N, C-alpha and C. Protein backbone atom coordinates (compact mmCIF):
# COMPACT_ATOMS: atom_id res chain seq x y z
N MET A 1 0.84 -1.20 0.00
CA MET A 1 0.00 0.00 0.00
C MET A 1 0.87 1.25 0.00
N ILE A 2 0.28 2.36 -0.43
CA ILE A 2 0.96 3.66 -0.36
C ILE A 2 0.47 4.37 0.89
N LEU A 3 1.38 4.56 1.82
CA LEU A 3 1.05 5.15 3.11
C LEU A 3 1.44 6.62 3.13
N GLY A 4 0.47 7.50 3.37
CA GLY A 4 0.75 8.91 3.56
C GLY A 4 0.98 9.17 5.04
N ILE A 5 2.01 9.98 5.35
CA ILE A 5 2.40 10.17 6.75
C ILE A 5 2.69 11.64 7.01
N ASP A 6 2.01 12.18 8.00
CA ASP A 6 2.27 13.55 8.46
C ASP A 6 3.44 13.54 9.45
N ILE A 7 4.06 14.72 9.65
CA ILE A 7 5.20 14.81 10.57
C ILE A 7 4.74 15.28 11.95
N ASP A 8 4.33 16.56 12.02
CA ASP A 8 4.06 17.18 13.32
C ASP A 8 2.83 16.58 13.99
N GLY A 9 3.02 16.05 15.19
CA GLY A 9 1.94 15.39 15.90
C GLY A 9 1.81 13.92 15.57
N CYS A 10 2.57 13.47 14.56
CA CYS A 10 2.52 12.07 14.15
C CYS A 10 3.88 11.41 14.32
N LEU A 11 4.84 11.79 13.50
CA LEU A 11 6.19 11.25 13.66
C LEU A 11 6.89 11.86 14.87
N ASN A 12 6.50 13.07 15.24
CA ASN A 12 6.99 13.64 16.49
C ASN A 12 5.79 13.94 17.39
N ASP A 13 6.06 14.27 18.64
CA ASP A 13 4.99 14.59 19.59
C ASP A 13 4.93 16.10 19.75
N SER A 14 4.16 16.77 18.89
CA SER A 14 4.09 18.23 18.94
C SER A 14 3.31 18.72 20.16
N GLU A 15 2.40 17.90 20.68
CA GLU A 15 1.66 18.31 21.87
C GLU A 15 2.60 18.43 23.07
N ARG A 16 3.48 17.45 23.24
CA ARG A 16 4.46 17.53 24.31
C ARG A 16 5.38 18.73 24.13
N TRP A 17 5.82 18.96 22.89
CA TRP A 17 6.68 20.10 22.60
C TRP A 17 5.99 21.42 22.95
N GLU A 18 4.73 21.54 22.56
CA GLU A 18 3.99 22.76 22.85
C GLU A 18 3.87 23.00 24.35
N LYS A 19 3.57 21.96 25.12
CA LYS A 19 3.47 22.10 26.57
C LYS A 19 4.78 22.61 27.16
N GLU A 20 5.87 21.95 26.79
CA GLU A 20 7.17 22.30 27.36
C GLU A 20 7.64 23.69 26.92
N SER A 21 7.50 23.98 25.63
CA SER A 21 8.00 25.26 25.11
C SER A 21 7.14 26.43 25.57
N LEU A 22 5.83 26.22 25.68
CA LEU A 22 4.95 27.30 26.15
C LEU A 22 5.16 27.60 27.63
N ILE A 23 5.43 26.59 28.42
CA ILE A 23 5.75 26.83 29.83
C ILE A 23 7.05 27.62 29.94
N GLU A 24 8.04 27.22 29.17
CA GLU A 24 9.31 27.95 29.16
C GLU A 24 9.12 29.39 28.71
N PHE A 25 8.38 29.57 27.61
CA PHE A 25 8.13 30.91 27.06
C PHE A 25 7.35 31.78 28.04
N SER A 26 6.34 31.21 28.69
CA SER A 26 5.50 32.00 29.60
C SER A 26 6.28 32.42 30.84
N LYS A 27 7.15 31.56 31.34
CA LYS A 27 7.97 31.92 32.49
C LYS A 27 8.97 33.01 32.13
N LYS A 28 9.58 32.85 30.98
CA LYS A 28 10.59 33.81 30.53
C LYS A 28 9.99 35.20 30.30
N ASN A 29 8.74 35.23 29.82
CA ASN A 29 8.08 36.50 29.49
C ASN A 29 7.02 36.92 30.51
N GLN A 30 6.95 36.17 31.61
CA GLN A 30 6.00 36.48 32.69
C GLN A 30 4.56 36.60 32.18
N ILE A 31 4.16 35.56 31.44
CA ILE A 31 2.81 35.50 30.88
C ILE A 31 2.07 34.35 31.55
N LYS A 32 0.81 34.59 31.88
CA LYS A 32 -0.01 33.52 32.47
C LYS A 32 -0.82 32.84 31.35
N LEU A 33 -0.61 31.54 31.20
CA LEU A 33 -1.35 30.77 30.20
C LEU A 33 -2.69 30.32 30.78
N PRO A 34 -3.76 30.34 29.98
CA PRO A 34 -5.04 29.77 30.45
C PRO A 34 -4.87 28.27 30.71
N GLU A 35 -5.68 27.73 31.61
CA GLU A 35 -5.56 26.30 31.95
C GLU A 35 -5.76 25.40 30.74
N ASP A 36 -6.65 25.78 29.84
CA ASP A 36 -6.95 24.96 28.66
C ASP A 36 -6.26 25.49 27.41
N TYR A 37 -5.03 26.01 27.56
CA TYR A 37 -4.35 26.70 26.45
C TYR A 37 -4.16 25.82 25.22
N LEU A 38 -4.04 24.51 25.38
CA LEU A 38 -3.83 23.65 24.21
C LEU A 38 -5.09 23.53 23.35
N LEU A 39 -6.23 23.93 23.89
CA LEU A 39 -7.49 23.82 23.15
C LEU A 39 -7.90 25.14 22.48
N ILE A 40 -7.15 26.21 22.75
CA ILE A 40 -7.55 27.54 22.32
C ILE A 40 -6.68 28.01 21.14
N LYS A 41 -7.30 28.74 20.22
CA LYS A 41 -6.54 29.31 19.11
C LYS A 41 -5.40 30.16 19.64
N HIS A 42 -4.22 29.97 19.07
CA HIS A 42 -3.02 30.71 19.47
C HIS A 42 -2.71 30.51 20.96
N PHE A 43 -3.22 29.41 21.53
CA PHE A 43 -2.98 29.07 22.94
C PHE A 43 -3.47 30.15 23.89
N GLY A 44 -4.41 30.97 23.45
CA GLY A 44 -4.94 32.04 24.28
C GLY A 44 -4.04 33.25 24.37
N LEU A 45 -2.97 33.28 23.58
CA LEU A 45 -2.04 34.41 23.57
C LEU A 45 -2.53 35.49 22.62
N ASP A 46 -2.24 36.75 22.94
CA ASP A 46 -2.50 37.83 21.99
C ASP A 46 -1.70 37.57 20.72
N ASP A 47 -2.20 38.06 19.58
CA ASP A 47 -1.59 37.75 18.29
C ASP A 47 -0.10 38.08 18.24
N ASP A 48 0.29 39.26 18.77
CA ASP A 48 1.69 39.65 18.69
C ASP A 48 2.57 38.78 19.59
N ILE A 49 2.04 38.39 20.75
CA ILE A 49 2.80 37.52 21.66
C ILE A 49 2.91 36.11 21.06
N TYR A 50 1.81 35.65 20.46
CA TYR A 50 1.83 34.34 19.80
C TYR A 50 2.88 34.32 18.68
N GLN A 51 2.94 35.41 17.91
CA GLN A 51 3.91 35.48 16.82
C GLN A 51 5.34 35.47 17.35
N THR A 52 5.57 36.14 18.47
CA THR A 52 6.89 36.12 19.09
C THR A 52 7.26 34.70 19.51
N TYR A 53 6.30 34.00 20.11
CA TYR A 53 6.52 32.60 20.50
C TYR A 53 6.85 31.75 19.28
N MET A 54 6.04 31.87 18.22
CA MET A 54 6.25 31.06 17.02
C MET A 54 7.59 31.35 16.36
N ASN A 55 7.96 32.62 16.29
CA ASN A 55 9.24 32.99 15.67
C ASN A 55 10.42 32.33 16.38
N GLU A 56 10.30 32.20 17.69
CA GLU A 56 11.41 31.61 18.46
C GLU A 56 11.35 30.09 18.50
N TYR A 57 10.16 29.54 18.72
CA TYR A 57 10.08 28.11 19.03
C TYR A 57 9.73 27.21 17.85
N PHE A 58 9.06 27.74 16.83
CA PHE A 58 8.70 26.87 15.71
C PHE A 58 9.94 26.36 14.95
N PRO A 59 10.91 27.22 14.63
CA PRO A 59 12.13 26.69 13.98
C PRO A 59 12.84 25.66 14.85
N ARG A 60 12.84 25.89 16.15
CA ARG A 60 13.48 24.93 17.05
C ARG A 60 12.73 23.61 17.06
N MET A 61 11.39 23.67 16.99
CA MET A 61 10.60 22.45 16.96
C MET A 61 10.92 21.62 15.72
N VAL A 62 11.02 22.29 14.57
CA VAL A 62 11.34 21.59 13.32
C VAL A 62 12.69 20.89 13.42
N ARG A 63 13.66 21.57 14.02
CA ARG A 63 15.01 21.03 14.09
C ARG A 63 15.24 20.07 15.26
N GLU A 64 14.58 20.33 16.41
CA GLU A 64 14.98 19.67 17.65
C GLU A 64 13.97 18.67 18.22
N ASN A 65 12.70 18.76 17.86
CA ASN A 65 11.70 17.85 18.45
C ASN A 65 11.99 16.43 17.99
N PRO A 66 12.28 15.51 18.91
CA PRO A 66 12.69 14.17 18.50
C PRO A 66 11.54 13.33 17.96
N PRO A 67 11.85 12.30 17.21
CA PRO A 67 10.79 11.39 16.74
C PRO A 67 10.13 10.69 17.92
N ARG A 68 8.89 10.28 17.71
CA ARG A 68 8.22 9.44 18.71
C ARG A 68 9.00 8.13 18.86
N LEU A 69 8.80 7.51 20.00
CA LEU A 69 9.41 6.21 20.27
C LEU A 69 9.01 5.20 19.17
N TYR A 70 9.99 4.49 18.67
CA TYR A 70 9.84 3.42 17.67
C TYR A 70 9.47 3.92 16.27
N THR A 71 9.58 5.22 16.02
CA THR A 71 9.24 5.73 14.69
C THR A 71 10.11 5.09 13.61
N LYS A 72 11.43 5.14 13.80
CA LYS A 72 12.33 4.57 12.79
C LYS A 72 12.08 3.08 12.59
N GLU A 73 11.94 2.35 13.69
CA GLU A 73 11.76 0.91 13.60
C GLU A 73 10.45 0.55 12.89
N VAL A 74 9.37 1.28 13.21
CA VAL A 74 8.07 1.00 12.58
C VAL A 74 8.12 1.28 11.09
N LEU A 75 8.70 2.40 10.69
CA LEU A 75 8.73 2.73 9.26
C LEU A 75 9.63 1.78 8.48
N TYR A 76 10.74 1.37 9.05
CA TYR A 76 11.58 0.37 8.38
C TYR A 76 10.84 -0.96 8.25
N ALA A 77 10.10 -1.34 9.29
CA ALA A 77 9.33 -2.60 9.23
C ALA A 77 8.26 -2.54 8.15
N LEU A 78 7.60 -1.39 8.01
CA LEU A 78 6.57 -1.24 6.97
C LEU A 78 7.19 -1.27 5.57
N LYS A 79 8.37 -0.68 5.43
CA LYS A 79 9.06 -0.74 4.13
C LYS A 79 9.45 -2.18 3.79
N ARG A 80 9.91 -2.92 4.77
CA ARG A 80 10.30 -4.31 4.52
C ARG A 80 9.10 -5.15 4.07
N LEU A 81 7.91 -4.76 4.51
CA LEU A 81 6.70 -5.46 4.10
C LEU A 81 6.22 -5.02 2.72
N GLY A 82 6.92 -4.06 2.11
CA GLY A 82 6.60 -3.64 0.75
C GLY A 82 5.76 -2.38 0.63
N HIS A 83 5.47 -1.73 1.75
CA HIS A 83 4.67 -0.51 1.70
C HIS A 83 5.54 0.67 1.25
N THR A 84 4.91 1.60 0.54
CA THR A 84 5.57 2.84 0.11
C THR A 84 5.24 3.94 1.12
N LEU A 85 6.26 4.67 1.56
CA LEU A 85 6.08 5.71 2.58
C LEU A 85 6.21 7.09 1.95
N LYS A 86 5.10 7.82 1.92
CA LYS A 86 5.11 9.17 1.37
C LYS A 86 4.81 10.18 2.47
N ILE A 87 5.78 11.01 2.80
CA ILE A 87 5.61 12.04 3.81
C ILE A 87 4.85 13.20 3.19
N ILE A 88 3.77 13.62 3.85
CA ILE A 88 2.99 14.76 3.37
C ILE A 88 2.83 15.73 4.53
N THR A 89 3.47 16.88 4.41
CA THR A 89 3.47 17.86 5.49
C THR A 89 3.12 19.24 4.97
N ALA A 90 2.42 20.02 5.77
CA ALA A 90 2.07 21.40 5.40
C ALA A 90 3.05 22.41 5.99
N ARG A 91 4.26 21.98 6.28
CA ARG A 91 5.21 22.85 6.96
C ARG A 91 5.60 24.10 6.17
N ASP A 92 5.53 24.09 4.86
CA ASP A 92 5.98 25.28 4.13
C ASP A 92 4.85 26.28 3.87
N ALA A 93 3.66 26.02 4.41
CA ALA A 93 2.51 26.86 4.10
C ALA A 93 2.72 28.31 4.51
N LEU A 94 2.48 29.22 3.57
CA LEU A 94 2.51 30.67 3.82
C LEU A 94 3.80 31.13 4.48
N ARG A 95 4.91 30.55 4.08
CA ARG A 95 6.17 30.84 4.76
C ARG A 95 7.14 31.66 3.90
N ASP A 96 6.68 32.31 2.85
CA ASP A 96 7.60 33.05 1.99
C ASP A 96 7.32 34.56 2.00
N LYS A 97 6.59 35.03 2.99
CA LYS A 97 6.32 36.47 3.09
C LYS A 97 7.58 37.22 3.52
N ASP A 98 7.66 38.49 3.15
CA ASP A 98 8.83 39.29 3.48
C ASP A 98 9.05 39.39 4.98
N ASP A 99 7.95 39.45 5.76
CA ASP A 99 8.08 39.63 7.20
C ASP A 99 8.18 38.30 7.96
N GLU A 100 8.27 37.20 7.24
CA GLU A 100 8.39 35.89 7.87
C GLU A 100 9.88 35.55 8.04
N PRO A 101 10.38 35.50 9.28
CA PRO A 101 11.81 35.24 9.47
C PRO A 101 12.23 33.81 9.13
N TYR A 102 11.31 32.86 9.28
CA TYR A 102 11.64 31.46 9.01
C TYR A 102 10.99 31.06 7.70
N LYS A 103 11.74 31.23 6.62
CA LYS A 103 11.21 31.04 5.26
C LYS A 103 10.94 29.57 4.95
N GLY A 104 10.15 29.36 3.89
CA GLY A 104 9.82 28.01 3.48
C GLY A 104 11.04 27.18 3.15
N TYR A 105 12.02 27.77 2.45
CA TYR A 105 13.20 27.00 2.06
C TYR A 105 14.01 26.58 3.30
N MET A 106 14.00 27.43 4.34
CA MET A 106 14.71 27.08 5.58
C MET A 106 14.03 25.89 6.26
N MET A 107 12.71 25.92 6.29
CA MET A 107 11.95 24.85 6.92
C MET A 107 12.12 23.54 6.15
N LYS A 108 12.09 23.60 4.84
CA LYS A 108 12.29 22.39 4.04
C LYS A 108 13.67 21.81 4.28
N ARG A 109 14.68 22.67 4.30
CA ARG A 109 16.07 22.22 4.55
C ARG A 109 16.16 21.55 5.92
N ASP A 110 15.59 22.20 6.94
CA ASP A 110 15.65 21.66 8.30
C ASP A 110 14.87 20.36 8.43
N THR A 111 13.75 20.26 7.70
CA THR A 111 12.94 19.04 7.73
C THR A 111 13.71 17.86 7.13
N LEU A 112 14.32 18.07 5.99
CA LEU A 112 15.10 17.00 5.35
C LEU A 112 16.28 16.60 6.22
N ASN A 113 16.93 17.58 6.85
CA ASN A 113 18.04 17.29 7.76
C ASN A 113 17.57 16.44 8.94
N TRP A 114 16.36 16.75 9.45
CA TRP A 114 15.80 16.02 10.59
C TRP A 114 15.63 14.54 10.25
N PHE A 115 15.12 14.25 9.06
CA PHE A 115 14.97 12.86 8.63
C PHE A 115 16.33 12.18 8.53
N ASP A 116 17.30 12.87 7.94
CA ASP A 116 18.64 12.29 7.80
C ASP A 116 19.29 12.05 9.16
N GLN A 117 19.22 13.04 10.03
CA GLN A 117 19.88 12.93 11.34
C GLN A 117 19.27 11.84 12.21
N ASN A 118 17.98 11.60 12.05
CA ASN A 118 17.31 10.59 12.86
C ASN A 118 17.18 9.24 12.17
N GLY A 119 17.71 9.14 10.94
CA GLY A 119 17.70 7.87 10.22
C GLY A 119 16.33 7.33 9.92
N ILE A 120 15.39 8.24 9.62
CA ILE A 120 14.00 7.83 9.38
C ILE A 120 13.78 7.63 7.88
N PRO A 121 13.31 6.45 7.48
CA PRO A 121 13.15 6.17 6.05
C PRO A 121 11.87 6.77 5.47
N TYR A 122 11.93 7.10 4.19
CA TYR A 122 10.74 7.51 3.45
C TYR A 122 11.06 7.40 1.96
N ASP A 123 10.03 7.33 1.14
CA ASP A 123 10.23 7.21 -0.30
C ASP A 123 10.20 8.56 -0.99
N ASN A 124 9.30 9.44 -0.56
CA ASN A 124 9.33 10.82 -1.04
C ASN A 124 8.62 11.71 -0.03
N ILE A 125 8.81 13.00 -0.19
CA ILE A 125 8.21 13.96 0.73
C ILE A 125 7.59 15.10 -0.08
N THR A 126 6.36 15.47 0.29
CA THR A 126 5.65 16.57 -0.37
C THR A 126 5.31 17.62 0.67
N PHE A 127 5.67 18.86 0.39
CA PHE A 127 5.34 19.99 1.26
C PHE A 127 4.06 20.62 0.73
N SER A 128 2.95 20.30 1.38
CA SER A 128 1.65 20.80 0.93
C SER A 128 1.38 22.17 1.54
N SER A 129 0.12 22.59 1.53
CA SER A 129 -0.26 23.89 2.06
C SER A 129 -1.50 23.73 2.93
N THR A 130 -1.80 24.75 3.72
CA THR A 130 -3.04 24.72 4.51
C THR A 130 -4.17 25.45 3.80
N THR A 131 -3.85 26.17 2.73
CA THR A 131 -4.86 26.90 1.97
C THR A 131 -4.59 26.73 0.48
N GLY A 132 -5.53 27.21 -0.33
CA GLY A 132 -5.33 27.19 -1.78
C GLY A 132 -5.61 25.84 -2.39
N ASP A 133 -4.90 25.54 -3.49
CA ASP A 133 -5.18 24.35 -4.28
C ASP A 133 -4.23 23.19 -4.00
N PHE A 134 -3.40 23.30 -2.95
CA PHE A 134 -2.41 22.25 -2.71
C PHE A 134 -2.48 21.76 -1.27
N THR A 135 -3.74 21.60 -0.79
CA THR A 135 -3.94 21.13 0.58
C THR A 135 -3.77 19.61 0.65
N LYS A 136 -3.83 19.08 1.86
CA LYS A 136 -3.51 17.66 2.05
C LYS A 136 -4.46 16.72 1.34
N GLY A 137 -5.75 17.05 1.32
CA GLY A 137 -6.70 16.20 0.61
C GLY A 137 -6.35 16.08 -0.86
N THR A 138 -6.02 17.21 -1.47
CA THR A 138 -5.62 17.23 -2.89
C THR A 138 -4.35 16.44 -3.10
N VAL A 139 -3.36 16.68 -2.25
CA VAL A 139 -2.07 15.99 -2.39
C VAL A 139 -2.24 14.48 -2.21
N CYS A 140 -3.05 14.08 -1.24
CA CYS A 140 -3.28 12.64 -1.02
C CYS A 140 -3.88 11.97 -2.25
N LYS A 141 -4.80 12.66 -2.92
CA LYS A 141 -5.37 12.12 -4.16
C LYS A 141 -4.32 12.03 -5.25
N GLU A 142 -3.54 13.10 -5.41
CA GLU A 142 -2.51 13.12 -6.46
C GLU A 142 -1.45 12.05 -6.23
N GLU A 143 -1.11 11.82 -4.96
CA GLU A 143 -0.06 10.84 -4.63
C GLU A 143 -0.62 9.43 -4.49
N GLU A 144 -1.93 9.26 -4.74
CA GLU A 144 -2.60 7.97 -4.71
C GLU A 144 -2.43 7.26 -3.37
N ILE A 145 -2.58 8.05 -2.29
CA ILE A 145 -2.44 7.51 -0.94
C ILE A 145 -3.58 6.54 -0.63
N ASP A 146 -3.22 5.39 -0.06
CA ASP A 146 -4.23 4.41 0.36
C ASP A 146 -4.73 4.68 1.77
N ILE A 147 -3.81 5.03 2.68
CA ILE A 147 -4.16 5.35 4.06
C ILE A 147 -3.26 6.50 4.50
N MET A 148 -3.84 7.51 5.15
CA MET A 148 -3.07 8.66 5.62
C MET A 148 -3.00 8.66 7.14
N LEU A 149 -1.84 9.02 7.67
CA LEU A 149 -1.66 9.23 9.11
C LEU A 149 -1.60 10.73 9.36
N ASP A 150 -2.53 11.26 10.17
CA ASP A 150 -2.56 12.70 10.46
C ASP A 150 -3.13 12.91 11.86
N ASP A 151 -3.00 14.15 12.35
CA ASP A 151 -3.53 14.45 13.68
C ASP A 151 -4.40 15.69 13.70
N ASP A 152 -4.41 16.46 12.61
CA ASP A 152 -5.15 17.71 12.57
C ASP A 152 -6.57 17.47 12.06
N ILE A 153 -7.56 17.86 12.87
CA ILE A 153 -8.96 17.57 12.53
C ILE A 153 -9.35 18.13 11.17
N LYS A 154 -8.92 19.34 10.86
CA LYS A 154 -9.27 19.94 9.56
C LYS A 154 -8.70 19.10 8.42
N ASN A 155 -7.44 18.68 8.54
CA ASN A 155 -6.84 17.84 7.51
C ASN A 155 -7.54 16.49 7.42
N ILE A 156 -7.82 15.91 8.57
CA ILE A 156 -8.46 14.59 8.60
C ILE A 156 -9.81 14.62 7.89
N GLU A 157 -10.59 15.65 8.17
CA GLU A 157 -11.90 15.78 7.53
C GLU A 157 -11.76 15.90 6.02
N GLU A 158 -10.81 16.69 5.58
CA GLU A 158 -10.60 16.88 4.14
C GLU A 158 -10.13 15.58 3.48
N ILE A 159 -9.23 14.87 4.16
CA ILE A 159 -8.71 13.61 3.62
C ILE A 159 -9.81 12.57 3.51
N VAL A 160 -10.62 12.44 4.55
CA VAL A 160 -11.72 11.46 4.56
C VAL A 160 -12.75 11.83 3.50
N ASN A 161 -13.02 13.12 3.35
CA ASN A 161 -13.97 13.57 2.32
C ASN A 161 -13.46 13.30 0.91
N ALA A 162 -12.13 13.16 0.79
CA ALA A 162 -11.54 12.82 -0.51
C ALA A 162 -11.59 11.32 -0.75
N GLY A 163 -12.17 10.56 0.20
CA GLY A 163 -12.33 9.12 0.03
C GLY A 163 -11.15 8.30 0.51
N ILE A 164 -10.29 8.88 1.33
CA ILE A 164 -9.08 8.20 1.79
C ILE A 164 -9.20 7.91 3.29
N PRO A 165 -9.05 6.66 3.72
CA PRO A 165 -9.08 6.35 5.14
C PRO A 165 -7.95 7.07 5.87
N CYS A 166 -8.18 7.40 7.14
CA CYS A 166 -7.19 8.16 7.90
C CYS A 166 -6.97 7.53 9.27
N ILE A 167 -5.72 7.26 9.58
CA ILE A 167 -5.34 6.86 10.92
C ILE A 167 -5.00 8.14 11.68
N ILE A 168 -5.61 8.30 12.85
CA ILE A 168 -5.46 9.53 13.62
C ILE A 168 -4.51 9.29 14.80
N MET A 169 -3.43 10.06 14.86
CA MET A 169 -2.56 10.02 16.04
C MET A 169 -3.21 10.88 17.12
N LYS A 170 -3.61 10.25 18.18
CA LYS A 170 -4.42 10.89 19.21
C LYS A 170 -3.73 12.07 19.88
N ASN A 171 -4.50 13.16 20.07
CA ASN A 171 -4.07 14.28 20.90
C ASN A 171 -5.30 14.89 21.56
N ILE A 172 -5.09 15.95 22.32
CA ILE A 172 -6.18 16.54 23.10
C ILE A 172 -7.30 17.11 22.22
N ASN A 173 -6.96 17.48 20.98
CA ASN A 173 -7.95 18.11 20.10
C ASN A 173 -8.69 17.13 19.20
N ASN A 174 -8.20 15.91 19.06
CA ASN A 174 -8.85 14.99 18.11
C ASN A 174 -9.37 13.71 18.76
N GLN A 175 -9.21 13.56 20.08
CA GLN A 175 -9.50 12.29 20.74
C GLN A 175 -10.96 11.86 20.66
N TYR A 176 -11.85 12.81 20.37
CA TYR A 176 -13.27 12.46 20.26
C TYR A 176 -13.76 12.51 18.81
N CYS A 177 -12.85 12.45 17.89
CA CYS A 177 -13.22 12.48 16.47
C CYS A 177 -14.10 11.27 16.14
N ASP A 178 -15.24 11.55 15.48
CA ASP A 178 -16.15 10.46 15.12
C ASP A 178 -16.40 10.42 13.62
N LEU A 179 -15.44 10.91 12.85
CA LEU A 179 -15.57 10.87 11.39
C LEU A 179 -15.51 9.43 10.91
N PRO A 180 -16.24 9.12 9.83
CA PRO A 180 -16.18 7.76 9.29
C PRO A 180 -14.82 7.48 8.68
N ASN A 181 -14.49 6.19 8.57
CA ASN A 181 -13.27 5.76 7.90
C ASN A 181 -12.02 6.29 8.59
N THR A 182 -12.07 6.43 9.93
CA THR A 182 -10.92 6.87 10.71
C THR A 182 -10.61 5.85 11.80
N TYR A 183 -9.33 5.82 12.21
CA TYR A 183 -8.86 4.84 13.18
C TYR A 183 -7.92 5.55 14.15
N LEU A 184 -8.27 5.61 15.42
CA LEU A 184 -7.51 6.35 16.41
C LEU A 184 -6.42 5.48 17.03
N VAL A 185 -5.19 6.02 17.09
CA VAL A 185 -4.08 5.30 17.71
C VAL A 185 -3.36 6.22 18.69
N ASP A 186 -2.63 5.62 19.64
CA ASP A 186 -1.93 6.38 20.68
C ASP A 186 -0.45 6.57 20.40
N ASN A 187 0.13 5.74 19.56
CA ASN A 187 1.58 5.75 19.37
C ASN A 187 1.95 5.05 18.06
N MET A 188 3.25 4.95 17.79
CA MET A 188 3.70 4.37 16.52
C MET A 188 3.46 2.86 16.48
N THR A 189 3.50 2.20 17.62
CA THR A 189 3.18 0.77 17.64
C THR A 189 1.72 0.55 17.26
N GLY A 190 0.85 1.40 17.79
CA GLY A 190 -0.56 1.33 17.43
C GLY A 190 -0.77 1.60 15.95
N TYR A 191 0.00 2.55 15.40
CA TYR A 191 -0.07 2.84 13.96
C TYR A 191 0.32 1.61 13.15
N TYR A 192 1.43 0.99 13.51
CA TYR A 192 1.89 -0.21 12.80
C TYR A 192 0.82 -1.29 12.82
N ASN A 193 0.28 -1.57 13.99
CA ASN A 193 -0.73 -2.63 14.11
C ASN A 193 -1.98 -2.33 13.28
N THR A 194 -2.36 -1.05 13.23
CA THR A 194 -3.54 -0.67 12.45
C THR A 194 -3.29 -0.81 10.96
N VAL A 195 -2.09 -0.42 10.50
CA VAL A 195 -1.74 -0.58 9.08
C VAL A 195 -1.77 -2.06 8.72
N ILE A 196 -1.20 -2.92 9.56
CA ILE A 196 -1.18 -4.36 9.28
C ILE A 196 -2.61 -4.90 9.18
N LYS A 197 -3.46 -4.50 10.12
CA LYS A 197 -4.84 -4.96 10.12
C LYS A 197 -5.58 -4.51 8.86
N LEU A 198 -5.41 -3.24 8.49
CA LEU A 198 -6.10 -2.71 7.32
C LEU A 198 -5.54 -3.30 6.03
N SER A 199 -4.25 -3.58 5.99
CA SER A 199 -3.66 -4.14 4.78
C SER A 199 -4.20 -5.53 4.48
N LYS A 200 -4.60 -6.24 5.50
CA LYS A 200 -5.18 -7.57 5.29
C LYS A 200 -6.57 -7.50 4.67
N LEU A 201 -7.22 -6.33 4.84
CA LEU A 201 -8.56 -6.15 4.28
C LEU A 201 -8.50 -5.55 2.87
N TRP A 202 -7.31 -5.12 2.43
CA TRP A 202 -7.18 -4.38 1.17
C TRP A 202 -7.46 -5.26 -0.03
């Protein structure tokens, strides 16, 4: 099968990164975070403060957030079984504006370096967008994805509406997702087991 795989929140744990980095940022800048900050747009921060946080911590997340436990082992095992691994990420979305300090080409370079440094296998990688004509649902159709791994509810809905089953890496925002043709997992081992189960039905 052709497996589509997202990075942030799937191959890495972006929820853990957000908790740790936002606590660090709030202490450093003497900002009080709302108790439910992970559920709120911009984490409940004012737009300018949120942008300051993103400018500092998003590039670090791309470069430094480690893979989830067993990511490399699971992806190598799936390749050995004959599956094709296509990474589909929206990391370069809207990143080429003049006032954007972390440009799209920088993010792409850092993303490719992250895969190399962590020894994570893949067959190809596509940098999609969150808006316009190159969103994940469109890319999944073009890349003939059989099953997609994602964690973002908006992406998941678009992918499922495009007729593609989606394995959901569980987080605080998607744990109650009840969309059809979706399968919730907690970790990379759960992802592997779900792919194996679904491949037998293919």
